[in-house]
Amino acid sequence: MAQSLHPAHPLQDNSPTAGRTPTVLLLAGAGIGGLVVIGAFALWFHYGSQVFFEMIRTGFAACF
């Protein structure tokens, strides 16, 4: 008689890395996002708000 493809008790992953992948991806994404924000603030403080608003104005002028 053929056995079922789906066992009555599903196999469990008991390895040390089980369930760690989503957490690692979340932390990596948060780290990269944090670096981007820190970089934006560093450029803001280095060049000042005048350059920031000039870039915004130039972007609007280019679009419209």
PDB file of N, CA and C in Angstrom:
ATOM      1  N   MET A   1       0.846  -1.173   0.000  1.00  0.00           N
ATOM      2  CA  MET A   1       0.000   0.000   0.000  1.00  0.00           C
ATOM      3  C   MET A   1       0.894   1.240   0.000  1.00  0.00           C
ATOM      4  N   ALA A   2       0.526   2.258  -0.760  1.00  0.00           N
ATOM      5  CA  ALA A   2       1.321   3.483  -0.869  1.00  0.00           C
ATOM      6  C   ALA A   2       1.153   4.335   0.381  1.00  0.00           C
ATOM      7  N   GLN A   3       2.248   5.011   0.753  1.00  0.00           N
ATOM      8  CA  GLN A   3       2.185   5.893   1.913  1.00  0.00           C
ATOM      9  C   GLN A   3       1.815   7.304   1.473  1.00  0.00           C
ATOM     10  N   SER A   4       1.221   8.030   2.393  1.00  0.00           N
ATOM     11  CA  SER A   4       0.806   9.397   2.121  1.00  0.00           C
ATOM     12  C   SER A   4       2.028  10.292   1.930  1.00  0.00           C
ATOM     13  N   LEU A   5       1.913  11.294   1.063  1.00  0.00           N
ATOM     14  CA  LEU A   5       2.998  12.244   0.859  1.00  0.00           C
ATOM     15  C   LEU A   5       3.125  13.208   2.031  1.00  0.00           C
ATOM     16  N   HIS A   6       2.035  13.439   2.733  1.00  0.00           N
ATOM     17  CA  HIS A   6       2.037  14.353   3.863  1.00  0.00           C
ATOM     18  C   HIS A   6       1.987  13.544   5.160  1.00  0.00           C
ATOM     19  N   PRO A   7       3.070  13.569   5.927  1.00  0.00           N
ATOM     20  CA  PRO A   7       3.056  12.798   7.173  1.00  0.00           C
ATOM     21  C   PRO A   7       2.088  13.407   8.184  1.00  0.00           C
ATOM     22  N   ALA A   8       1.639  12.590   9.098  1.00  0.00           N
ATOM     23  CA  ALA A   8       0.702  13.057  10.121  1.00  0.00           C
ATOM     24  C   ALA A   8       1.352  14.095  11.023  1.00  0.00           C
ATOM     25  N   HIS A   9       2.639  13.927  11.290  1.00  0.00           N
ATOM     26  CA  HIS A   9       3.380  14.872  12.122  1.00  0.00           C
ATOM     27  C   HIS A   9       4.438  15.545  11.246  1.00  0.00           C
ATOM     28  N   PRO A  10       4.270  16.851  10.971  1.00  0.00           N
ATOM     29  CA  PRO A  10       5.263  17.507  10.106  1.00  0.00           C
ATOM     30  C   PRO A  10       6.636  17.537  10.752  1.00  0.00           C
ATOM     31  N   LEU A  11       7.638  17.501   9.919  1.00  0.00           N
ATOM     32  CA  LEU A  11       9.006  17.539  10.413  1.00  0.00           C
ATOM     33  C   LEU A  11       9.315  18.930  10.953  1.00  0.00           C
ATOM     34  N   GLN A  12      10.070  18.976  12.029  1.00  0.00           N
ATOM     35  CA  GLN A  12      10.451  20.251  12.621  1.00  0.00           C
ATOM     36  C   GLN A  12      11.931  20.483  12.395  1.00  0.00           C
ATOM     37  N   ASP A  13      12.271  21.743  12.163  1.00  0.00           N
ATOM     38  CA  ASP A  13      13.667  22.115  11.976  1.00  0.00           C
ATOM     39  C   ASP A  13      14.229  22.499  13.341  1.00  0.00           C
ATOM     40  N   ASN A  14      15.063  21.655  13.883  1.00  0.00           N
ATOM     41  CA  ASN A  14      15.637  21.906  15.213  1.00  0.00           C
ATOM     42  C   ASN A  14      17.065  22.420  15.113  1.00  0.00           C
ATOM     43  N   SER A  15      17.453  22.914  13.942  1.00  0.00           N
ATOM     44  CA  SER A  15      18.811  23.398  13.788  1.00  0.00           C
ATOM     45  C   SER A  15      18.983  24.720  14.539  1.00  0.00           C
ATOM     46  N   PRO A  16      20.209  25.090  14.863  1.00  0.00           N
ATOM     47  CA  PRO A  16      20.432  26.329  15.614  1.00  0.00           C
ATOM     48  C   PRO A  16      20.015  27.586  14.850  1.00  0.00           C
ATOM     49  N   THR A  17      19.931  27.510  13.528  1.00  0.00           N
ATOM     50  CA  THR A  17      19.565  28.688  12.747  1.00  0.00           C
ATOM     51  C   THR A  17      18.090  28.714  12.360  1.00  0.00           C
ATOM     52  N   ALA A  18      17.293  27.816  12.893  1.00  0.00           N
ATOM     53  CA  ALA A  18      15.881  27.754  12.535  1.00  0.00           C
ATOM     54  C   ALA A  18      15.170  29.034  12.959  1.00  0.00           C
ATOM     55  N   GLY A  19      14.484  29.680  12.032  1.00  0.00           N
ATOM     56  CA  GLY A  19      13.715  30.874  12.332  1.00  0.00           C
ATOM     57  C   GLY A  19      14.553  32.133  12.474  1.00  0.00           C
ATOM     58  N   ARG A  20      15.836  32.068  12.190  1.00  0.00           N
ATOM     59  CA  ARG A  20      16.708  33.217  12.383  1.00  0.00           C
ATOM     60  C   ARG A  20      16.736  34.127  11.152  1.00  0.00           C
ATOM     61  N   THR A  21      16.428  33.595   9.982  1.00  0.00           N
ATOM     62  CA  THR A  21      16.556  34.358   8.747  1.00  0.00           C
ATOM     63  C   THR A  21      15.706  35.630   8.728  1.00  0.00           C
ATOM     64  N   PRO A  22      14.424  35.603   9.086  1.00  0.00           N
ATOM     65  CA  PRO A  22      13.653  36.853   9.071  1.00  0.00           C
ATOM     66  C   PRO A  22      14.222  37.904  10.031  1.00  0.00           C
ATOM     67  N   THR A  23      14.710  37.472  11.164  1.00  0.00           N
ATOM     68  CA  THR A  23      15.281  38.413  12.120  1.00  0.00           C
ATOM     69  C   THR A  23      16.552  39.033  11.578  1.00  0.00           C
ATOM     70  N   VAL A  24      17.390  38.230  10.962  1.00  0.00           N
ATOM     71  CA  VAL A  24      18.636  38.745  10.395  1.00  0.00           C
ATOM     72  C   VAL A  24      18.334  39.733   9.272  1.00  0.00           C
ATOM     73  N   LEU A  25      17.368  39.413   8.413  1.00  0.00           N
ATOM     74  CA  LEU A  25      17.006  40.326   7.330  1.00  0.00           C
ATOM     75  C   LEU A  25      16.423  41.631   7.869  1.00  0.00           C
ATOM     76  N   LEU A  26      15.615  41.548   8.893  1.00  0.00           N
ATOM     77  CA  LEU A  26      15.039  42.747   9.503  1.00  0.00           C
ATOM     78  C   LEU A  26      16.124  43.623  10.109  1.00  0.00           C
ATOM     79  N   LEU A  27      17.045  43.029  10.829  1.00  0.00           N
ATOM     80  CA  LEU A  27      18.136  43.798  11.434  1.00  0.00           C
ATOM     81  C   LEU A  27      19.054  44.394  10.369  1.00  0.00           C
ATOM     82  N   ALA A  28      19.324  43.650   9.315  1.00  0.00           N
ATOM     83  CA  ALA A  28      20.167  44.174   8.234  1.00  0.00           C
ATOM     84  C   ALA A  28      19.487  45.353   7.542  1.00  0.00           C
ATOM     85  N   GLY A  29      18.199  45.240   7.294  1.00  0.00           N
ATOM     86  CA  GLY A  29      17.447  46.341   6.687  1.00  0.00           C
ATOM     87  C   GLY A  29      17.406  47.569   7.578  1.00  0.00           C
ATOM     88  N   ALA A  30      17.214  47.344   8.873  1.00  0.00           N
ATOM     89  CA  ALA A  30      17.209  48.467   9.816  1.00  0.00           C
ATOM     90  C   ALA A  30      18.581  49.119   9.892  1.00  0.00           C
ATOM     91  N   GLY A  31      19.638  48.320   9.840  1.00  0.00           N
ATOM     92  CA  GLY A  31      20.995  48.862   9.872  1.00  0.00           C
ATOM     93  C   GLY A  31      21.302  49.702   8.645  1.00  0.00           C
ATOM     94  N   ILE A  32      20.911  49.190   7.474  1.00  0.00           N
ATOM     95  CA  ILE A  32      21.146  49.942   6.235  1.00  0.00           C
ATOM     96  C   ILE A  32      20.315  51.224   6.227  1.00  0.00           C
ATOM     97  N   GLY A  33      19.065  51.130   6.671  1.00  0.00           N
ATOM     98  CA  GLY A  33      18.222  52.324   6.750  1.00  0.00           C
ATOM     99  C   GLY A  33      18.792  53.349   7.715  1.00  0.00           C
ATOM    100  N   GLY A  34      19.315  52.880   8.830  1.00  0.00           N
ATOM    101  CA  GLY A  34      19.942  53.788   9.794  1.00  0.00           C
ATOM    102  C   GLY A  34      21.163  54.476   9.219  1.00  0.00           C
ATOM    103  N   LEU A  35      21.963  53.738   8.466  1.00  0.00           N
ATOM    104  CA  LEU A  35      23.141  54.341   7.826  1.00  0.00           C
ATOM    105  C   LEU A  35      22.741  55.404   6.803  1.00  0.00           C
ATOM    106  N   VAL A  36      21.667  55.155   6.071  1.00  0.00           N
ATOM    107  CA  VAL A  36      21.190  56.141   5.095  1.00  0.00           C
ATOM    108  C   VAL A  36      20.737  57.410   5.803  1.00  0.00           C
ATOM    109  N   VAL A  37      20.001  57.262   6.896  1.00  0.00           N
ATOM    110  CA  VAL A  37      19.532  58.434   7.645  1.00  0.00           C
ATOM    111  C   VAL A  37      20.708  59.196   8.242  1.00  0.00           C
ATOM    112  N   ILE A  38      21.663  58.490   8.812  1.00  0.00           N
ATOM    113  CA  ILE A  38      22.843  59.143   9.385  1.00  0.00           C
ATOM    114  C   ILE A  38      23.626  59.872   8.288  1.00  0.00           C
ATOM    115  N   GLY A  39      23.744  59.248   7.126  1.00  0.00           N
ATOM    116  CA  GLY A  39      24.428  59.896   6.012  1.00  0.00           C
ATOM    117  C   GLY A  39      23.714  61.158   5.553  1.00  0.00           C
ATOM    118  N   ALA A  40      22.383  61.099   5.510  1.00  0.00           N
ATOM    119  CA  ALA A  40      21.615  62.287   5.115  1.00  0.00           C
ATOM    120  C   ALA A  40      21.812  63.417   6.122  1.00  0.00           C
ATOM    121  N   PHE A  41      21.783  63.097   7.410  1.00  0.00           N
ATOM    122  CA  PHE A  41      22.014  64.131   8.431  1.00  0.00           C
ATOM    123  C   PHE A  41      23.436  64.674   8.363  1.00  0.00           C
ATOM    124  N   ALA A  42      24.402  63.802   8.091  1.00  0.00           N
ATOM    125  CA  ALA A  42      25.786  64.263   7.993  1.00  0.00           C
ATOM    126  C   ALA A  42      25.941  65.233   6.827  1.00  0.00           C
ATOM    127  N   LEU A  43      25.327  64.924   5.679  1.00  0.00           N
ATOM    128  CA  LEU A  43      25.393  65.837   4.540  1.00  0.00           C
ATOM    129  C   LEU A  43      24.644  67.133   4.828  1.00  0.00           C
ATOM    130  N   TRP A  44      23.527  67.035   5.528  1.00  0.00           N
ATOM    131  CA  TRP A  44      22.757  68.229   5.892  1.00  0.00           C
ATOM    132  C   TRP A  44      23.613  69.153   6.750  1.00  0.00           C
ATOM    133  N   PHE A  45      24.272  68.603   7.756  1.00  0.00           N
ATOM    134  CA  PHE A  45      25.080  69.440   8.650  1.00  0.00           C
ATOM    135  C   PHE A  45      26.344  69.951   7.957  1.00  0.00           C
ATOM    136  N   HIS A  46      26.878  69.174   7.025  1.00  0.00           N
ATOM    137  CA  HIS A  46      28.097  69.603   6.334  1.00  0.00           C
ATOM    138  C   HIS A  46      27.802  70.722   5.326  1.00  0.00           C
ATOM    139  N   TYR A  47      26.769  70.545   4.502  1.00  0.00           N
ATOM    140  CA  TYR A  47      26.471  71.503   3.444  1.00  0.00           C
ATOM    141  C   TYR A  47      25.430  72.545   3.841  1.00  0.00           C
ATOM    142  N   GLY A  48      24.663  72.283   4.867  1.00  0.00           N
ATOM    143  CA  GLY A  48      23.661  73.242   5.321  1.00  0.00           C
ATOM    144  C   GLY A  48      22.338  73.077   4.605  1.00  0.00           C
ATOM    145  N   SER A  49      21.343  73.746   5.144  1.00  0.00           N
ATOM    146  CA  SER A  49      19.998  73.625   4.601  1.00  0.00           C
ATOM    147  C   SER A  49      19.853  74.354   3.273  1.00  0.00           C
ATOM    148  N   GLN A  50      20.676  75.366   3.018  1.00  0.00           N
ATOM    149  CA  GLN A  50      20.573  76.105   1.759  1.00  0.00           C
ATOM    150  C   GLN A  50      20.779  75.184   0.564  1.00  0.00           C
ATOM    151  N   VAL A  51      21.793  74.325   0.630  1.00  0.00           N
ATOM    152  CA  VAL A  51      22.046  73.390  -0.476  1.00  0.00           C
ATOM    153  C   VAL A  51      20.895  72.396  -0.592  1.00  0.00           C
ATOM    154  N   PHE A  52      20.364  71.954   0.526  1.00  0.00           N
ATOM    155  CA  PHE A  52      19.249  71.000   0.510  1.00  0.00           C
ATOM    156  C   PHE A  52      18.055  71.616  -0.214  1.00  0.00           C
ATOM    157  N   PHE A  53      17.665  72.824   0.160  1.00  0.00           N
ATOM    158  CA  PHE A  53      16.502  73.452  -0.458  1.00  0.00           C
ATOM    159  C   PHE A  53      16.779  73.840  -1.912  1.00  0.00           C
ATOM    160  N   GLU A  54      18.026  74.152  -2.237  1.00  0.00           N
ATOM    161  CA  GLU A  54      18.387  74.429  -3.622  1.00  0.00           C
ATOM    162  C   GLU A  54      18.220  73.172  -4.478  1.00  0.00           C
ATOM    163  N   MET A  55      18.573  72.019  -3.934  1.00  0.00           N
ATOM    164  CA  MET A  55      18.401  70.755  -4.658  1.00  0.00           C
ATOM    165  C   MET A  55      16.913  70.454  -4.855  1.00  0.00           C
ATOM    166  N   ILE A  56      16.101  70.715  -3.851  1.00  0.00           N
ATOM    167  CA  ILE A  56      14.651  70.498  -3.967  1.00  0.00           C
ATOM    168  C   ILE A  56      14.091  71.401  -5.065  1.00  0.00           C
ATOM    169  N   ARG A  57      14.464  72.681  -5.030  1.00  0.00           N
ATOM    170  CA  ARG A  57      13.968  73.635  -6.007  1.00  0.00           C
ATOM    171  C   ARG A  57      14.413  73.246  -7.427  1.00  0.00           C
ATOM    172  N   THR A  58      15.661  72.829  -7.581  1.00  0.00           N
ATOM    173  CA  THR A  58      16.158  72.413  -8.883  1.00  0.00           C
ATOM    174  C   THR A  58      15.425  71.166  -9.375  1.00  0.00           C
ATOM    175  N   GLY A  59      15.131  70.260  -8.469  1.00  0.00           N
ATOM    176  CA  GLY A  59      14.374  69.063  -8.844  1.00  0.00           C
ATOM    177  C   GLY A  59      12.972  69.385  -9.327  1.00  0.00           C
ATOM    178  N   PHE A  60      12.296  70.303  -8.630  1.00  0.00           N
ATOM    179  CA  PHE A  60      10.964  70.724  -9.072  1.00  0.00           C
ATOM    180  C   PHE A  60      11.032  71.421 -10.421  1.00  0.00           C
ATOM    181  N   ALA A  61      12.053  72.269 -10.608  1.00  0.00           N
ATOM    182  CA  ALA A  61      12.194  72.971 -11.881  1.00  0.00           C
ATOM    183  C   ALA A  61      12.441  71.986 -13.020  1.00  0.00           C
ATOM    184  N   ALA A  62      13.193  70.937 -12.763  1.00  0.00           N
ATOM    185  CA  ALA A  62      13.471  69.943 -13.793  1.00  0.00           C
ATOM    186  C   ALA A  62      12.220  69.126 -14.145  1.00  0.00           C
ATOM    187  N   CYS A  63      11.374  68.896 -13.158  1.00  0.00           N
ATOM    188  CA  CYS A  63      10.164  68.099 -13.399  1.00  0.00           C
ATOM    189  C   CYS A  63       9.076  68.895 -14.098  1.00  0.00           C
ATOM    190  N   PHE A  64       8.978  70.174 -13.768  1.00  0.00           N
ATOM    191  CA  PHE A  64       7.879  70.973 -14.309  1.00  0.00           C
ATOM    192  C   PHE A  64       8.449  71.945 -15.284  1.00  0.00           C
TER     193      PHE A  64
END
